[in-house]
Amino acid sequence: MSAIKVIITGSTGMVGEGVLFECLQNEKVSEVLIINRRHYEISHSKLKELIVPDFFQLDQFAEKIKGYNACFFCAGISSVGMKEDKYTRITYDTTLSFAKALLQANSNISFTFVSGSHTDSSEKGKIMWARVKGKTENDLMKLPFKAEYNFRPGGMQPFDGQKNWKAAYKWIVKIIKVISPKKVITMEELGNAMINAVTIGYSKQILEIADIKELAKA
């Protein structure tokens, strides 16, 4: 497959920024469009930016999102202190609305959604965020994308130079790596696995940490 053109959301957050860094350095990617609610300060020959204040209104930008091979949906928010209805609105409703608008503009696009380790595919568990993420995964898989993958990373190590990374999180990941190294991936591995999912495919739609590591090496 020739070099791909990708859309990334969430580049103003830690996961999206890391995936962006990998896409900019990876020869399998020819163009990157970051879609954000606010400007992200970075310059690169591959890079374009589209500011969309309301992701529910993405269809208003249809002409600017045409011609892309993949979307790496990395936007997200912590559920800490949030009630289920609001978290569902942000995590489920926003993602599905965005995905459907992308499909209208690109019928042959692949979609990857960053979920989380221990996401609840049954949608019936006691942990609120896991249920909501599970429902989001399940309903994304029903949409007619060329391919759809759900990534469930655990602890993640940043690229050097990442700005959107909290110092406390770095220490937490270092501790996890010492205790259970198999539960930690690098942002390079995550981004590489997403790119490989689009360019060569994968046998599963839900990728746990071991799957991400395997696909990153493909």
Protein backbone atom coordinates (compact mmCIF):
# COMPACT_ATOMS: atom_id res chain seq x y z
CA MET A 1 0.00 0.00 0.00
CA SER A 2 1.30 3.49 -0.86
CA ALA A 3 1.85 6.07 1.88
CA ILE A 4 -1.38 6.96 3.66
CA LYS A 5 -3.08 10.21 4.56
CA VAL A 6 -4.37 10.25 8.13
CA ILE A 7 -6.59 12.34 10.36
CA ILE A 8 -5.70 12.55 14.06
CA THR A 9 -7.85 13.89 16.87
CA GLY A 10 -6.58 14.66 20.35
CA SER A 11 -3.13 15.99 19.47
CA THR A 12 -3.48 18.51 22.30
CA GLY A 13 -3.58 15.52 24.69
CA MET A 14 -0.90 13.02 25.58
CA VAL A 15 -2.03 10.07 23.43
CA GLY A 16 -2.90 12.04 20.31
CA GLU A 17 0.33 14.01 20.53
CA GLY A 18 2.38 10.83 20.74
CA VAL A 19 0.57 9.25 17.78
CA LEU A 20 1.12 12.47 15.84
CA PHE A 21 4.86 12.38 16.54
CA GLU A 22 5.07 8.83 15.15
CA CYS A 23 3.04 9.70 12.05
CA LEU A 24 5.27 12.68 11.27
CA GLN A 25 8.41 10.53 11.40
CA ASN A 26 6.95 7.42 9.73
CA GLU A 27 7.56 7.01 6.00
CA LYS A 28 4.29 5.09 5.62
CA VAL A 29 2.40 8.36 6.26
CA SER A 30 2.45 11.08 3.59
CA GLU A 31 0.07 13.61 5.14
CA VAL A 32 -1.46 14.30 8.54
CA LEU A 33 -4.52 16.42 9.29
CA ILE A 34 -4.95 17.19 12.97
CA ILE A 35 -8.50 18.12 13.94
CA ASN A 36 -8.65 19.99 17.22
CA ARG A 37 -10.89 22.34 19.14
CA ARG A 38 -7.92 24.63 19.77
CA HIS A 39 -4.66 25.31 17.96
CA TYR A 40 -1.67 23.04 18.52
CA GLU A 41 1.67 24.78 17.99
CA ILE A 42 3.76 22.61 15.68
CA SER A 43 5.16 22.93 12.18
CA HIS A 44 5.98 20.12 9.74
CA SER A 45 5.89 19.63 5.98
CA LYS A 46 3.40 16.73 6.31
CA LEU A 47 1.06 18.57 8.64
CA LYS A 48 -2.24 20.39 8.24
CA GLU A 49 -4.59 21.59 10.98
CA LEU A 50 -8.35 22.04 11.06
CA ILE A 51 -9.99 23.78 14.01
CA VAL A 52 -13.45 22.38 14.72
CA PRO A 53 -14.87 23.93 17.91
CA ASP A 54 -17.75 21.45 18.05
CA PHE A 55 -17.08 17.88 16.89
CA PHE A 56 -20.84 17.41 16.46
CA GLN A 57 -20.57 19.88 13.56
CA LEU A 58 -17.84 18.08 11.61
CA ASP A 59 -20.19 17.64 8.64
CA GLN A 60 -19.88 21.38 8.03
CA PHE A 61 -16.23 20.78 7.08
CA ALA A 62 -16.90 17.92 4.66
CA GLU A 63 -14.76 19.28 1.82
CA LYS A 64 -11.73 19.66 4.10
CA ILE A 65 -11.83 16.09 5.41
CA LYS A 66 -12.14 14.28 2.07
CA GLY A 67 -9.43 12.09 0.59
CA TYR A 68 -8.04 10.52 3.76
CA ASN A 69 -7.27 6.82 4.31
CA ALA A 70 -7.56 6.66 8.08
CA CYS A 71 -8.61 8.40 11.26
CA PHE A 72 -6.76 7.84 14.52
CA PHE A 73 -9.31 8.99 17.09
CA CYS A 74 -7.26 9.79 20.20
CA ALA A 75 -9.45 12.49 21.75
CA GLY A 76 -10.73 11.63 25.18
CA ILE A 77 -11.26 12.74 28.74
CA SER A 78 -10.85 11.27 32.22
CA SER A 79 -14.02 10.03 33.90
CA VAL A 80 -12.81 11.11 37.35
CA GLY A 81 -15.50 13.17 39.06
CA MET A 82 -17.81 12.99 36.05
CA LYS A 83 -21.38 11.67 35.99
CA GLU A 84 -22.26 8.98 33.47
CA ASP A 85 -24.54 11.09 31.29
CA LYS A 86 -21.89 13.75 30.73
CA TYR A 87 -19.13 11.22 30.20
CA THR A 88 -21.32 9.37 27.69
CA ARG A 89 -22.03 12.60 25.85
CA ILE A 90 -18.32 13.34 25.48
CA THR A 91 -16.99 9.82 24.96
CA TYR A 92 -19.77 8.01 23.09
CA ASP A 93 -21.98 10.62 21.41
CA THR A 94 -19.13 12.82 20.20
CA THR A 95 -17.10 9.90 18.84
CA LEU A 96 -20.03 8.32 16.97
CA SER A 97 -21.09 11.66 15.51
CA PHE A 98 -17.54 12.36 14.34
CA ALA A 99 -17.17 8.87 12.88
CA LYS A 100 -20.41 9.12 10.90
CA ALA A 101 -19.43 12.50 9.46
CA LEU A 102 -16.10 11.03 8.37
CA LEU A 103 -17.87 8.17 6.63
CA GLN A 104 -20.07 10.58 4.70
CA ALA A 105 -16.95 12.31 3.37
CA ASN A 106 -14.76 9.19 2.96
CA SER A 107 -16.60 5.94 2.28
CA ASN A 108 -13.35 3.96 2.12
CA ILE A 109 -11.73 5.17 5.33
CA SER A 110 -10.37 3.08 8.21
CA PHE A 111 -11.00 4.15 11.81
CA THR A 112 -9.05 3.45 14.98
CA PHE A 113 -10.40 4.34 18.40
CA VAL A 114 -8.22 4.64 21.50
CA SER A 115 -10.14 2.96 24.26
CA GLY A 116 -8.40 1.58 27.34
CA SER A 117 -7.24 -1.54 29.11
CA HIS A 118 -10.15 -3.29 30.89
CA THR A 119 -12.82 -1.74 28.67
CA ASP A 120 -16.12 -3.60 29.18
CA SER A 121 -17.43 -5.09 25.93
CA SER A 122 -20.53 -6.42 27.71
CA GLU A 123 -21.58 -2.84 28.58
CA LYS A 124 -22.97 -4.25 31.85
CA GLY A 125 -20.11 -4.04 34.35
CA LYS A 126 -19.91 -1.90 37.48
CA ILE A 127 -17.21 0.47 36.21
CA MET A 128 -18.85 3.40 34.45
CA TRP A 129 -16.06 4.45 32.09
CA ALA A 130 -15.47 0.85 31.02
CA ARG A 131 -19.16 0.39 30.10
CA VAL A 132 -19.23 3.61 28.09
CA LYS A 133 -15.99 2.79 26.27
CA GLY A 134 -17.34 -0.70 25.59
CA LYS A 135 -20.51 0.66 24.04
CA THR A 136 -18.45 3.08 21.96
CA GLU A 137 -16.27 0.24 20.66
CA ASN A 138 -19.27 -1.96 19.93
CA ASP A 139 -21.16 0.67 17.96
CA LEU A 140 -18.10 1.83 16.02
CA MET A 141 -17.61 -1.77 14.87
CA LYS A 142 -21.13 -1.70 13.40
CA LEU A 143 -20.34 1.23 11.10
CA PRO A 144 -19.34 0.46 7.47
CA PHE A 145 -15.72 1.55 7.63
CA LYS A 146 -13.16 -0.11 5.37
CA ALA A 147 -11.73 -1.37 8.68
CA GLU A 148 -12.31 -0.44 12.32
CA TYR A 149 -9.96 -1.16 15.23
CA ASN A 150 -10.17 -0.45 18.95
CA PHE A 151 -6.87 -0.01 20.79
CA ARG A 152 -6.67 -0.75 24.50
CA PRO A 153 -3.28 0.49 25.70
CA GLY A 154 -2.14 0.42 29.31
CA GLY A 155 0.73 2.52 30.60
CA MET A 156 2.41 4.57 27.87
CA GLN A 157 5.88 6.07 27.63
CA PRO A 158 6.11 9.40 25.77
CA PHE A 159 8.38 10.52 22.99
CA ASP A 160 11.16 12.87 23.94
CA GLY A 161 9.87 16.38 23.42
CA GLN A 162 6.22 15.71 24.07
CA LYS A 163 4.55 18.70 25.72
CA ASN A 164 1.19 17.26 26.71
CA TRP A 165 2.41 14.89 29.37
CA LYS A 166 2.10 15.22 33.12
CA ALA A 167 5.24 14.59 35.17
CA ALA A 168 3.27 12.54 37.72
CA TYR A 169 2.09 10.19 34.98
CA LYS A 170 5.67 9.59 33.85
CA TRP A 171 6.56 8.39 37.33
CA ILE A 172 3.50 6.15 37.51
CA VAL A 173 4.45 4.53 34.20
CA LYS A 174 8.02 4.00 35.39
CA ILE A 175 6.70 2.18 38.47
CA ILE A 176 4.36 0.03 36.35
CA LYS A 177 7.23 -0.83 34.03
CA VAL A 178 9.30 -2.10 36.95
CA ILE A 179 6.44 -4.13 38.44
CA SER A 180 4.83 -5.35 35.21
CA PRO A 181 6.79 -4.39 32.08
CA LYS A 182 4.38 -6.19 29.74
CA LYS A 183 1.68 -3.65 30.65
CA VAL A 184 3.66 -0.69 29.31
CA ILE A 185 4.03 0.37 25.68
CA THR A 186 5.79 3.30 24.07
CA MET A 187 3.99 5.96 22.07
CA GLU A 188 6.13 4.87 19.13
CA GLU A 189 4.69 1.35 19.42
CA LEU A 190 1.13 2.66 19.64
CA GLY A 191 1.48 4.94 16.62
CA ASN A 192 3.29 2.30 14.60
CA ALA A 193 0.62 -0.29 15.38
CA MET A 194 -2.13 2.09 14.25
CA ILE A 195 -0.33 2.76 10.98
CA ASN A 196 0.23 -0.96 10.41
CA ALA A 197 -3.42 -1.72 11.15
CA VAL A 198 -4.34 0.51 8.22
CA THR A 199 -1.57 -0.52 5.83
CA ILE A 200 -1.43 -4.29 6.43
CA GLY A 201 -4.45 -5.06 8.65
CA TYR A 202 -4.86 -7.19 11.76
CA SER A 203 -6.85 -10.29 12.65
CA LYS A 204 -8.68 -8.68 15.60
CA GLN A 205 -10.75 -5.51 15.91
CA ILE A 206 -10.03 -5.16 19.61
CA LEU A 207 -6.31 -4.90 20.35
CA GLU A 208 -5.03 -5.43 23.86
CA ILE A 209 -1.48 -4.51 24.92
CA ALA A 210 0.06 -7.73 23.57
CA ASP A 211 -1.67 -7.21 20.21
CA ILE A 212 -0.42 -3.63 20.00
CA LYS A 213 3.14 -4.75 20.64
CA GLU A 214 2.85 -7.51 18.03
CA LEU A 215 1.36 -5.26 15.36
CA ALA A 216 3.93 -2.55 16.01
CA LYS A 217 6.65 -5.00 14.92
CA ALA A 218 4.88 -6.11 11.72
